Amino acid sequence: MVTHHSHQETRILVQAAAAACEDKKAEDTRILELDPADSGLSDFFLVTSATNDRQALAIADEIEMRLKRNYSVTPNSVEGRRHGEWILLDYVDFVVHVFLAERRAFYDIERLRKSARPFTPAEFESELKHLLADKTREARSNSAGKPAKKSAAGSATKKAAAAKKVAKSAAKKAPARNAAAKPVAKKSSAKKPAAAEAASARKGK
């Protein structure tokens, strides 16, 4: 079954394969980031050299074992184990080429892939670290922004609720004021006849 990985996942797998090469004393390890226009299905070539066929097999075995053990990834196909002059491990998104030095010079894959970006393992690791750091910062920034929006929305809701409360309170007080005003009006109208009576009584005297 062919499995495709994200570009970042593929980079991590390539880096692990390069580390396996270094541990097995491979020589002149190079990683080629292929141009999408002519790369077909693969994103990267990892090219490395061995001094003899036994070392070439040991390098290929270490890459295969490490990727399977640490990432549960196995090659889609393996070629050239029998002779050990050029062992090819096809992981679909990247391809590992383990050459004997003279075979590598003869086929000269790096020259054939002129449009590819070449990296040493150290350069590739450094770029991968930067990419992972950028992704981490972006994720943190996004997660920090979400609560801020939520709290702003919550604050607006609280303000609206407070305004509603004030409006309700004002509405309750208004009828109470009207009710208080009416008896006063009745009282003043009751006083008028009494004053008129007193005035007519004085006139009668």
N, C-alpha and C. Protein backbone atom coordinates (compact mmCIF):
# COMPACT_ATOMS: atom_id res chain seq x y z
N MET A 1 0.84 -1.20 0.00
CA MET A 1 0.00 0.00 0.00
C MET A 1 0.87 1.25 0.00
N VAL A 2 0.64 2.16 -0.93
CA VAL A 2 1.42 3.39 -1.04
C VAL A 2 0.86 4.43 -0.08
N THR A 3 1.73 4.96 0.78
CA THR A 3 1.30 5.98 1.73
C THR A 3 2.04 7.28 1.46
N HIS A 4 1.29 8.36 1.31
CA HIS A 4 1.90 9.68 1.13
C HIS A 4 1.88 10.43 2.46
N HIS A 5 2.98 11.12 2.74
CA HIS A 5 3.09 11.90 3.97
C HIS A 5 3.06 13.39 3.62
N SER A 6 2.77 14.20 4.63
CA SER A 6 2.85 15.64 4.42
C SER A 6 4.31 16.01 4.17
N HIS A 7 4.54 17.19 3.62
CA HIS A 7 5.91 17.61 3.29
C HIS A 7 6.77 17.65 4.55
N GLN A 8 6.19 18.11 5.64
CA GLN A 8 6.95 18.19 6.90
C GLN A 8 7.27 16.80 7.44
N GLU A 9 6.30 15.89 7.39
CA GLU A 9 6.54 14.51 7.83
C GLU A 9 7.64 13.86 6.99
N THR A 10 7.60 14.11 5.67
CA THR A 10 8.62 13.56 4.79
C THR A 10 10.00 14.08 5.16
N ARG A 11 10.08 15.38 5.48
CA ARG A 11 11.36 15.97 5.90
C ARG A 11 11.91 15.27 7.14
N ILE A 12 11.02 14.98 8.09
CA ILE A 12 11.45 14.32 9.33
C ILE A 12 11.99 12.92 9.03
N LEU A 13 11.33 12.20 8.12
CA LEU A 13 11.77 10.85 7.74
C LEU A 13 13.12 10.90 7.01
N VAL A 14 13.29 11.87 6.13
CA VAL A 14 14.55 12.02 5.40
C VAL A 14 15.68 12.33 6.38
N GLN A 15 15.38 13.21 7.34
CA GLN A 15 16.39 13.55 8.34
C GLN A 15 16.80 12.32 9.15
N ALA A 16 15.84 11.48 9.50
CA ALA A 16 16.12 10.25 10.25
C ALA A 16 16.99 9.30 9.41
N ALA A 17 16.68 9.21 8.12
CA ALA A 17 17.47 8.36 7.21
C ALA A 17 18.90 8.88 7.09
N ALA A 18 19.05 10.20 7.02
CA ALA A 18 20.39 10.80 6.94
C ALA A 18 21.19 10.53 8.21
N ALA A 19 20.50 10.59 9.35
CA ALA A 19 21.17 10.31 10.63
C ALA A 19 21.65 8.86 10.68
N ALA A 20 20.86 7.95 10.12
CA ALA A 20 21.25 6.53 10.06
C ALA A 20 22.51 6.37 9.20
N CYS A 21 22.57 7.11 8.09
CA CYS A 21 23.76 7.08 7.23
C CYS A 21 25.01 7.53 8.00
N GLU A 22 24.84 8.62 8.74
CA GLU A 22 25.97 9.16 9.51
C GLU A 22 26.45 8.14 10.55
N ASP A 23 25.49 7.49 11.21
CA ASP A 23 25.84 6.51 12.25
C ASP A 23 26.59 5.31 11.69
N LYS A 24 26.31 4.99 10.44
CA LYS A 24 26.98 3.84 9.79
C LYS A 24 28.20 4.27 8.96
N LYS A 25 28.68 5.48 9.24
CA LYS A 25 29.90 6.00 8.61
C LYS A 25 29.82 6.10 7.08
N ALA A 26 28.62 6.40 6.59
CA ALA A 26 28.48 6.64 5.15
C ALA A 26 29.25 7.91 4.78
N GLU A 27 29.59 8.05 3.51
CA GLU A 27 30.40 9.18 3.07
C GLU A 27 29.61 10.08 2.12
N ASP A 28 29.91 11.38 2.24
CA ASP A 28 29.38 12.38 1.30
C ASP A 28 27.86 12.27 1.12
N THR A 29 27.16 12.23 2.25
CA THR A 29 25.68 12.15 2.19
C THR A 29 25.12 13.49 1.74
N ARG A 30 24.23 13.43 0.76
CA ARG A 30 23.58 14.64 0.24
C ARG A 30 22.07 14.41 0.15
N ILE A 31 21.32 15.47 0.41
CA ILE A 31 19.85 15.43 0.26
C ILE A 31 19.48 16.40 -0.84
N LEU A 32 18.75 15.92 -1.82
CA LEU A 32 18.30 16.77 -2.93
C LEU A 32 16.80 17.02 -2.79
N GLU A 33 16.42 18.29 -2.65
CA GLU A 33 15.00 18.64 -2.66
C GLU A 33 14.62 18.85 -4.13
N LEU A 34 13.81 17.96 -4.63
CA LEU A 34 13.54 17.94 -6.07
C LEU A 34 12.55 19.02 -6.49
N ASP A 35 12.75 19.50 -7.69
CA ASP A 35 11.84 20.48 -8.28
C ASP A 35 10.50 19.78 -8.57
N PRO A 36 9.38 20.33 -8.06
CA PRO A 36 8.08 19.68 -8.28
C PRO A 36 7.76 19.46 -9.77
N ALA A 37 8.32 20.30 -10.63
CA ALA A 37 8.03 20.20 -12.07
C ALA A 37 8.55 18.90 -12.68
N ASP A 38 9.66 18.38 -12.15
CA ASP A 38 10.21 17.16 -12.77
C ASP A 38 10.47 16.03 -11.77
N SER A 39 9.89 16.16 -10.57
CA SER A 39 10.19 15.16 -9.54
C SER A 39 9.26 13.96 -9.58
N GLY A 40 8.14 14.06 -10.31
CA GLY A 40 7.18 12.95 -10.30
C GLY A 40 6.53 12.84 -8.93
N LEU A 41 6.60 11.67 -8.34
CA LEU A 41 5.94 11.46 -7.05
C LEU A 41 6.83 11.82 -5.86
N SER A 42 8.15 11.79 -6.03
CA SER A 42 9.06 11.99 -4.91
C SER A 42 9.39 13.46 -4.67
N ASP A 43 9.59 13.78 -3.38
CA ASP A 43 9.98 15.16 -3.01
C ASP A 43 11.49 15.28 -2.81
N PHE A 44 12.11 14.17 -2.36
CA PHE A 44 13.54 14.21 -2.02
C PHE A 44 14.26 12.96 -2.51
N PHE A 45 15.56 13.14 -2.83
CA PHE A 45 16.50 12.03 -3.00
C PHE A 45 17.52 12.16 -1.88
N LEU A 46 17.82 11.06 -1.23
CA LEU A 46 18.94 11.03 -0.30
C LEU A 46 20.00 10.16 -0.96
N VAL A 47 21.18 10.73 -1.19
CA VAL A 47 22.26 10.02 -1.90
C VAL A 47 23.45 9.91 -0.96
N THR A 48 23.99 8.69 -0.82
CA THR A 48 25.14 8.49 0.07
C THR A 48 26.05 7.43 -0.50
N SER A 49 27.29 7.38 0.02
CA SER A 49 28.29 6.44 -0.52
C SER A 49 28.82 5.50 0.56
N ALA A 50 29.16 4.28 0.12
CA ALA A 50 29.79 3.28 0.98
C ALA A 50 31.11 2.86 0.34
N THR A 51 32.03 2.40 1.17
CA THR A 51 33.34 2.00 0.64
C THR A 51 33.34 0.58 0.09
N ASN A 52 32.39 -0.27 0.54
CA ASN A 52 32.28 -1.63 0.02
C ASN A 52 30.83 -2.11 0.12
N ASP A 53 30.54 -3.25 -0.49
CA ASP A 53 29.14 -3.71 -0.55
C ASP A 53 28.59 -4.08 0.83
N ARG A 54 29.45 -4.57 1.74
CA ARG A 54 28.98 -4.90 3.09
C ARG A 54 28.52 -3.65 3.83
N GLN A 55 29.28 -2.59 3.67
CA GLN A 55 28.87 -1.33 4.32
C GLN A 55 27.60 -0.78 3.68
N ALA A 56 27.48 -0.91 2.37
CA ALA A 56 26.28 -0.44 1.67
C ALA A 56 25.03 -1.15 2.22
N LEU A 57 25.16 -2.47 2.41
CA LEU A 57 24.04 -3.24 2.97
C LEU A 57 23.74 -2.82 4.41
N ALA A 58 24.79 -2.58 5.18
CA ALA A 58 24.62 -2.17 6.59
C ALA A 58 23.90 -0.82 6.67
N ILE A 59 24.25 0.10 5.77
CA ILE A 59 23.61 1.43 5.74
C ILE A 59 22.13 1.29 5.38
N ALA A 60 21.86 0.52 4.31
CA ALA A 60 20.46 0.32 3.88
C ALA A 60 19.64 -0.35 4.97
N ASP A 61 20.22 -1.36 5.64
CA ASP A 61 19.51 -2.07 6.72
C ASP A 61 19.20 -1.13 7.89
N GLU A 62 20.17 -0.27 8.22
CA GLU A 62 19.98 0.65 9.35
C GLU A 62 18.87 1.67 9.05
N ILE A 63 18.85 2.18 7.84
CA ILE A 63 17.79 3.13 7.44
C ILE A 63 16.43 2.46 7.53
N GLU A 64 16.34 1.26 6.94
CA GLU A 64 15.06 0.54 6.92
C GLU A 64 14.58 0.21 8.32
N MET A 65 15.50 -0.28 9.16
CA MET A 65 15.13 -0.66 10.53
C MET A 65 14.71 0.56 11.36
N ARG A 66 15.45 1.64 11.23
CA ARG A 66 15.18 2.84 12.04
C ARG A 66 13.84 3.48 11.69
N LEU A 67 13.55 3.57 10.41
CA LEU A 67 12.28 4.19 10.00
C LEU A 67 11.09 3.30 10.38
N LYS A 68 11.29 1.99 10.32
CA LYS A 68 10.22 1.08 10.71
C LYS A 68 9.99 1.13 12.21
N ARG A 69 11.07 1.11 12.98
CA ARG A 69 10.97 1.08 14.45
C ARG A 69 10.43 2.41 15.01
N ASN A 70 10.95 3.51 14.52
CA ASN A 70 10.60 4.82 15.09
C ASN A 70 9.38 5.48 14.47
N TYR A 71 9.07 5.15 13.22
CA TYR A 71 7.99 5.85 12.52
C TYR A 71 6.96 4.90 11.87
N SER A 72 7.16 3.60 12.05
CA SER A 72 6.25 2.59 11.44
C SER A 72 6.13 2.77 9.93
N VAL A 73 7.25 3.11 9.30
CA VAL A 73 7.28 3.35 7.85
C VAL A 73 8.20 2.31 7.20
N THR A 74 7.72 1.69 6.15
CA THR A 74 8.53 0.71 5.40
C THR A 74 8.62 1.13 3.94
N PRO A 75 9.68 0.75 3.25
CA PRO A 75 9.80 1.16 1.84
C PRO A 75 8.78 0.47 0.95
N ASN A 76 8.35 1.18 -0.07
CA ASN A 76 7.42 0.61 -1.03
C ASN A 76 8.11 -0.48 -1.86
N SER A 77 9.40 -0.28 -2.12
CA SER A 77 10.20 -1.30 -2.81
C SER A 77 11.67 -1.11 -2.49
N VAL A 78 12.43 -2.20 -2.60
CA VAL A 78 13.89 -2.16 -2.38
C VAL A 78 14.55 -2.87 -3.54
N GLU A 79 15.59 -2.24 -4.10
CA GLU A 79 16.30 -2.85 -5.23
C GLU A 79 17.81 -2.81 -4.98
N GLY A 80 18.52 -3.79 -5.54
CA GLY A 80 19.99 -3.78 -5.54
C GLY A 80 20.67 -4.39 -4.34
N ARG A 81 19.91 -4.99 -3.43
CA ARG A 81 20.53 -5.60 -2.24
C ARG A 81 21.52 -6.72 -2.61
N ARG A 82 21.18 -7.43 -3.64
CA ARG A 82 21.96 -8.63 -3.99
C ARG A 82 23.43 -8.31 -4.28
N HIS A 83 23.65 -7.23 -5.03
CA HIS A 83 25.03 -6.89 -5.41
C HIS A 83 25.62 -5.80 -4.50
N GLY A 84 24.76 -4.95 -3.95
CA GLY A 84 25.23 -3.93 -3.01
C GLY A 84 25.99 -2.78 -3.64
N GLU A 85 25.96 -2.68 -4.99
CA GLU A 85 26.66 -1.58 -5.66
C GLU A 85 25.80 -0.30 -5.67
N TRP A 86 24.50 -0.50 -5.77
CA TRP A 86 23.54 0.62 -5.75
C TRP A 86 22.24 0.08 -5.16
N ILE A 87 22.01 0.39 -3.90
CA ILE A 87 20.79 -0.06 -3.23
C ILE A 87 19.81 1.11 -3.20
N LEU A 88 18.63 0.83 -3.69
CA LEU A 88 17.60 1.87 -3.79
C LEU A 88 16.43 1.50 -2.87
N LEU A 89 16.10 2.40 -1.95
CA LEU A 89 14.93 2.22 -1.07
C LEU A 89 13.90 3.28 -1.44
N ASP A 90 12.79 2.84 -1.97
CA ASP A 90 11.75 3.77 -2.45
C ASP A 90 10.66 3.93 -1.39
N TYR A 91 10.64 5.12 -0.76
CA TYR A 91 9.62 5.43 0.25
C TYR A 91 8.52 6.33 -0.33
N VAL A 92 8.41 6.33 -1.63
CA VAL A 92 7.41 7.08 -2.41
C VAL A 92 7.67 8.59 -2.35
N ASP A 93 7.54 9.20 -1.17
CA ASP A 93 7.76 10.65 -1.07
C ASP A 93 9.24 11.02 -1.07
N PHE A 94 10.08 10.04 -0.80
CA PHE A 94 11.53 10.23 -0.94
C PHE A 94 12.17 8.89 -1.29
N VAL A 95 13.34 8.97 -1.93
CA VAL A 95 14.05 7.76 -2.38
C VAL A 95 15.48 7.83 -1.86
N VAL A 96 15.93 6.73 -1.26
CA VAL A 96 17.30 6.65 -0.75
C VAL A 96 18.15 5.87 -1.75
N HIS A 97 19.31 6.43 -2.09
CA HIS A 97 20.27 5.76 -3.00
C HIS A 97 21.56 5.54 -2.22
N VAL A 98 21.90 4.28 -1.98
CA VAL A 98 23.17 3.95 -1.31
C VAL A 98 24.10 3.37 -2.37
N PHE A 99 25.15 4.10 -2.71
CA PHE A 99 26.06 3.71 -3.80
C PHE A 99 27.42 3.26 -3.26
N LEU A 100 28.07 2.41 -4.00
CA LEU A 100 29.52 2.31 -3.88
C LEU A 100 30.08 3.57 -4.56
N ALA A 101 31.19 4.09 -4.05
CA ALA A 101 31.71 5.39 -4.50
C ALA A 101 31.87 5.46 -6.02
N GLU A 102 32.44 4.40 -6.63
CA GLU A 102 32.68 4.45 -8.08
C GLU A 102 31.37 4.42 -8.88
N ARG A 103 30.37 3.70 -8.37
CA ARG A 103 29.07 3.66 -9.04
C ARG A 103 28.38 5.02 -8.96
N ARG A 104 28.53 5.64 -7.83
CA ARG A 104 27.92 6.97 -7.66
C ARG A 104 28.52 7.97 -8.66
N ALA A 105 29.83 7.90 -8.82
CA ALA A 105 30.51 8.79 -9.78
C ALA A 105 30.05 8.50 -11.20
N PHE A 106 29.81 7.23 -11.49
CA PHE A 106 29.41 6.83 -12.84
C PHE A 106 28.00 7.34 -13.18
N TYR A 107 27.05 7.14 -12.26
CA TYR A 107 25.66 7.53 -12.54
C TYR A 107 25.42 9.03 -12.28
N ASP A 108 26.16 9.59 -11.37
CA ASP A 108 26.14 11.05 -11.10
C ASP A 108 24.71 11.63 -11.04
N ILE A 109 23.94 11.12 -10.10
CA ILE A 109 22.54 11.56 -9.94
C ILE A 109 22.44 13.06 -9.67
N GLU A 110 23.38 13.58 -8.86
CA GLU A 110 23.32 15.01 -8.51
C GLU A 110 23.39 15.90 -9.76
N ARG A 111 24.24 15.47 -10.73
CA ARG A 111 24.37 16.27 -11.96
C ARG A 111 23.10 16.18 -12.81
N LEU A 112 22.48 15.02 -12.81
CA LEU A 112 21.26 14.83 -13.59
C LEU A 112 20.09 15.65 -13.03
N ARG A 113 20.13 15.91 -11.74
CA ARG A 113 19.05 16.69 -11.09
C ARG A 113 19.54 18.11 -10.80
N LYS A 114 19.86 18.81 -11.85
CA LYS A 114 20.42 20.17 -11.70
C LYS A 114 19.45 21.14 -11.03
N SER A 115 18.15 20.93 -11.25
CA SER A 115 17.16 21.88 -10.69
C SER A 115 16.89 21.63 -9.20
N ALA A 116 17.46 20.54 -8.65
CA ALA A 116 17.22 20.21 -7.23
C ALA A 116 18.04 21.11 -6.31
N ARG A 117 17.53 21.33 -5.12
CA ARG A 117 18.27 22.07 -4.08
C ARG A 117 19.08 21.07 -3.26
N PRO A 118 20.41 21.17 -3.26
CA PRO A 118 21.22 20.22 -2.51
C PRO A 118 21.44 20.68 -1.06
N PHE A 119 21.44 19.73 -0.15
CA PHE A 119 21.70 20.01 1.27
C PHE A 119 22.69 18.99 1.82
N THR A 120 23.53 19.43 2.74
CA THR A 120 24.24 18.47 3.58
C THR A 120 23.25 18.09 4.69
N PRO A 121 23.47 16.97 5.40
CA PRO A 121 22.56 16.62 6.51
C PRO A 121 22.44 17.73 7.55
N ALA A 122 23.56 18.43 7.84
CA ALA A 122 23.53 19.51 8.84
C ALA A 122 22.66 20.68 8.35
N GLU A 123 22.80 21.04 7.09
CA GLU A 123 21.98 22.13 6.52
C GLU A 123 20.50 21.74 6.52
N PHE A 124 20.24 20.49 6.16
CA PHE A 124 18.85 20.01 6.10
C PHE A 124 18.23 20.02 7.50
N GLU A 125 19.00 19.59 8.50
CA GLU A 125 18.51 19.57 9.88
C GLU A 125 18.22 20.98 10.37
N SER A 126 19.11 21.92 10.04
CA SER A 126 18.93 23.31 10.45
C SER A 126 17.65 23.90 9.85
N GLU A 127 17.41 23.64 8.56
CA GLU A 127 16.20 24.16 7.91
C GLU A 127 14.94 23.52 8.51
N LEU A 128 15.03 22.22 8.80
CA LEU A 128 13.88 21.53 9.41
C LEU A 128 13.55 22.11 10.78
N LYS A 129 14.59 22.42 11.56
CA LYS A 129 14.37 23.02 12.89
C LYS A 129 13.66 24.36 12.78
N HIS A 130 14.10 25.17 11.80
CA HIS A 130 13.46 26.48 11.58
C HIS A 130 11.99 26.32 11.20
N LEU A 131 11.72 25.37 10.32
CA LEU A 131 10.33 25.14 9.88
C LEU A 131 9.45 24.69 11.05
N LEU A 132 9.98 23.79 11.88
CA LEU A 132 9.22 23.31 13.04
C LEU A 132 9.00 24.42 14.05
N ALA A 133 10.03 25.26 14.25
CA ALA A 133 9.90 26.39 15.18
C ALA A 133 8.85 27.38 14.69
N ASP A 134 8.85 27.66 13.39
CA ASP A 134 7.85 28.57 12.80
C ASP A 134 6.45 28.02 12.99
N LYS A 135 6.30 26.72 12.78
CA LYS A 135 4.99 26.08 12.91
C LYS A 135 4.50 26.14 14.36
N THR A 136 5.43 25.92 15.31
CA THR A 136 5.09 25.98 16.74
C THR A 136 4.64 27.38 17.13
N ARG A 137 5.39 28.40 16.65
CA ARG A 137 5.02 29.79 16.95
C ARG A 137 3.65 30.12 16.38
N GLU A 138 3.39 29.66 15.17
CA GLU A 138 2.10 29.92 14.52
C GLU A 138 0.95 29.27 15.30
N ALA A 139 1.19 28.04 15.75
CA ALA A 139 0.16 27.32 16.53
C ALA A 139 -0.12 28.03 17.84
N ARG A 140 0.96 28.50 18.51
CA ARG A 140 0.79 29.22 19.78
C ARG A 140 0.04 30.53 19.59
N SER A 141 0.41 31.22 18.50
CA SER A 141 -0.24 32.49 18.19
C SER A 141 -1.74 32.31 17.96
N ASN A 142 -2.09 31.25 17.23
CA ASN A 142 -3.51 30.96 16.95
C ASN A 142 -4.26 30.61 18.22
N SER A 143 -3.63 29.79 19.07
CA SER A 143 -4.31 29.37 20.30
C SER A 143 -4.42 30.53 21.29
N ALA A 144 -3.45 31.46 21.25
CA ALA A 144 -3.52 32.63 22.13
C ALA A 144 -4.60 33.60 21.67
N GLY A 145 -4.84 33.67 20.37
CA GLY A 145 -5.84 34.59 19.82
C GLY A 145 -7.26 34.19 20.12
N LYS A 146 -7.52 32.89 20.21
CA LYS A 146 -8.90 32.41 20.39
C LYS A 146 -9.51 32.83 21.72
N PRO A 147 -8.81 32.63 22.88
CA PRO A 147 -9.40 33.06 24.15
C PRO A 147 -9.63 34.56 24.19
N ALA A 148 -8.70 35.33 23.54
CA ALA A 148 -8.85 36.78 23.54
C ALA A 148 -10.16 37.18 22.88
N LYS A 149 -10.48 36.56 21.75
CA LYS A 149 -11.73 36.85 21.06
C LYS A 149 -12.92 36.46 21.91
N LYS A 150 -12.76 35.34 22.60
CA LYS A 150 -13.85 34.83 23.42
C LYS A 150 -14.15 35.79 24.56
N SER A 151 -13.06 36.28 25.22
CA SER A 151 -13.24 37.17 26.36
C SER A 151 -13.82 38.51 25.90
N ALA A 152 -13.43 38.98 24.71
CA ALA A 152 -13.98 40.22 24.18
C ALA A 152 -15.48 40.06 23.95
N ALA A 153 -15.87 38.92 23.41
CA ALA A 153 -17.29 38.65 23.17
C ALA A 153 -18.03 38.56 24.50
N GLY A 154 -17.37 37.92 25.48
CA GLY A 154 -17.98 37.78 26.81
C GLY A 154 -18.17 39.13 27.46
N SER A 155 -17.18 40.04 27.30
CA SER A 155 -17.27 41.38 27.86
C SER A 155 -18.43 42.15 27.24
N ALA A 156 -18.58 42.03 25.92
CA ALA A 156 -19.68 42.71 25.22
C ALA A 156 -21.03 42.19 25.72
N THR A 157 -21.11 40.87 25.95
CA THR A 157 -22.36 40.27 26.44
C THR A 157 -22.69 40.79 27.84
N LYS A 158 -21.63 40.89 28.69
CA LYS A 158 -21.83 41.39 30.05
C LYS A 158 -22.32 42.83 30.03
N LYS A 159 -21.74 43.65 29.15
CA LYS A 159 -22.15 45.06 29.04
C LYS A 159 -23.60 45.17 28.62
N ALA A 160 -23.98 44.35 27.65
CA ALA A 160 -25.36 44.36 27.15
C ALA A 160 -26.33 43.96 28.26
N ALA A 161 -25.93 42.96 29.05
CA ALA A 161 -26.78 42.48 30.16
C ALA A 161 -26.93 43.58 31.21
N ALA A 162 -25.82 44.29 31.50
CA ALA A 162 -25.86 45.38 32.48
C ALA A 162 -26.77 46.51 32.01
N ALA A 163 -26.67 46.84 30.71
CA ALA A 163 -27.52 47.90 30.14
C ALA A 163 -28.99 47.52 30.22
N LYS A 164 -29.28 46.24 29.99
CA LYS A 164 -30.64 45.73 30.06
C LYS A 164 -31.20 45.87 31.47
N LYS A 165 -30.32 45.55 32.43
CA LYS A 165 -30.70 45.61 33.85
C LYS A 165 -31.06 47.04 34.25
N VAL A 166 -30.20 47.98 33.79
CA VAL A 166 -30.45 49.40 34.09
C VAL A 166 -31.77 49.86 33.49
N ALA A 167 -32.03 49.45 32.23
CA ALA A 167 -33.26 49.82 31.54
C ALA A 167 -34.49 49.28 32.27
N LYS A 168 -34.40 48.01 32.74
CA LYS A 168 -35.51 47.40 33.48
C LYS A 168 -35.77 48.15 34.77
N SER A 169 -34.68 48.49 35.46
CA SER A 169 -34.80 49.20 36.74
C SER A 169 -35.46 50.56 36.54
N ALA A 170 -35.06 51.25 35.45
CA ALA A 170 -35.64 52.58 35.14
C ALA A 170 -37.12 52.44 34.82
N ALA A 171 -37.47 51.38 34.11
CA ALA A 171 -38.88 51.14 33.74
C ALA A 171 -39.73 50.88 34.97
N LYS A 172 -39.16 50.19 35.95
CA LYS A 172 -39.91 49.90 37.18
C LYS A 172 -40.13 51.16 38.00
N LYS A 173 -39.10 52.04 38.02
CA LYS A 173 -39.18 53.26 38.84
C LYS A 173 -40.18 54.26 38.26
N ALA A 174 -40.31 54.32 36.94
CA ALA A 174 -41.18 55.29 36.27
C ALA A 174 -42.63 55.17 36.71
N PRO A 175 -43.26 53.98 36.71
CA PRO A 175 -44.65 53.86 37.18
C PRO A 175 -44.80 54.25 38.64
N ALA A 176 -43.75 53.93 39.44
CA ALA A 176 -43.81 54.26 40.86
C ALA A 176 -43.87 55.77 41.05
N ARG A 177 -43.08 56.49 40.22
CA ARG A 177 -43.10 57.96 40.31
C ARG A 177 -44.46 58.52 39.92
N ASN A 178 -45.05 57.97 38.85
CA ASN A 178 -46.37 58.42 38.39
C ASN A 178 -47.43 58.19 39.45
N ALA A 179 -47.32 57.01 40.07
CA ALA A 179 -48.29 56.67 41.12
C ALA A 179 -48.17 57.61 42.30
N ALA A 180 -46.94 58.00 42.63
CA ALA A 180 -46.70 58.91 43.75
C ALA A 180 -47.21 60.30 43.43
N ALA A 181 -47.16 60.68 42.17
CA ALA A 181 -47.58 62.04 41.76
C ALA A 181 -49.07 62.22 41.81
N LYS A 182 -49.85 61.16 41.56
CA LYS A 182 -51.32 61.30 41.49
C LYS A 182 -51.95 61.70 42.80
N PRO A 183 -51.66 61.11 43.95
CA PRO A 183 -52.28 61.53 45.21
C PRO A 183 -52.00 62.98 45.53
N VAL A 184 -50.80 63.46 45.20
CA VAL A 184 -50.44 64.86 45.46
C VAL A 184 -51.38 65.76 44.69
N ALA A 185 -51.67 65.39 43.44
CA ALA A 185 -52.57 66.19 42.60
C ALA A 185 -53.97 66.23 43.21
N LYS A 186 -54.46 65.10 43.76
CA LYS A 186 -55.79 65.04 44.38
C LYS A 186 -55.85 65.92 45.61
N LYS A 187 -54.73 65.91 46.38
CA LYS A 187 -54.67 66.68 47.62
C LYS A 187 -54.82 68.16 47.34
N SER A 188 -54.09 68.64 46.33
CA SER A 188 -54.11 70.06 46.01
C SER A 188 -55.49 70.49 45.52
N SER A 189 -56.17 69.58 44.74
CA SER A 189 -57.51 69.91 44.25
C SER A 189 -58.51 69.90 45.40
N ALA A 190 -58.28 69.14 46.47
CA ALA A 190 -59.17 69.10 47.64
C ALA A 190 -59.04 70.36 48.46
N LYS A 191 -57.86 70.99 48.39
CA LYS A 191 -57.63 72.21 49.19
C LYS A 191 -58.38 73.41 48.62
N LYS A 192 -58.61 73.45 47.33
CA LYS A 192 -59.23 74.60 46.68
C LYS A 192 -60.63 74.90 47.22
N PRO A 193 -61.55 73.96 47.36
CA PRO A 193 -62.87 74.24 47.90
C PRO A 193 -62.81 74.78 49.32
N ALA A 194 -61.92 74.27 50.12
CA ALA A 194 -61.78 74.73 51.53
C ALA A 194 -61.38 76.19 51.55
N ALA A 195 -60.48 76.57 50.70
CA ALA A 195 -60.02 77.97 50.65
C ALA A 195 -61.15 78.86 50.18
N ALA A 196 -61.95 78.36 49.22
CA ALA A 196 -63.08 79.15 48.70
C ALA A 196 -64.13 79.37 49.79
N GLU A 197 -64.36 78.34 50.62
CA GLU A 197 -65.34 78.45 51.72
C GLU A 197 -64.93 79.48 52.73
N ALA A 198 -63.63 79.47 53.04
CA ALA A 198 -63.11 80.42 54.03
C ALA A 198 -63.26 81.85 53.52
N ALA A 199 -63.01 82.03 52.22
CA ALA A 199 -63.12 83.39 51.64
C ALA A 199 -64.56 83.86 51.66
N SER A 200 -65.53 82.98 51.36
CA SER A 200 -66.95 83.38 51.34
C SER A 200 -67.44 83.65 52.76
N ALA A 201 -66.90 82.91 53.73
CA ALA A 201 -67.29 83.14 55.13
C ALA A 201 -66.83 84.50 55.59
N ARG A 202 -65.61 84.90 55.13
CA ARG A 202 -65.10 86.23 55.54
C ARG A 202 -65.96 87.32 54.92
N LYS A 203 -66.36 87.10 53.65
CA LYS A 203 -67.20 88.08 52.97
C LYS A 203 -68.55 88.21 53.68
N GLY A 204 -69.11 87.11 54.17
CA GLY A 204 -70.42 87.13 54.85
C GLY A 204 -70.34 87.92 56.13
N LYS A 205 -69.18 87.86 56.80
CA LYS A 205 -69.01 88.60 58.05
C LYS A 205 -69.03 90.07 57.74
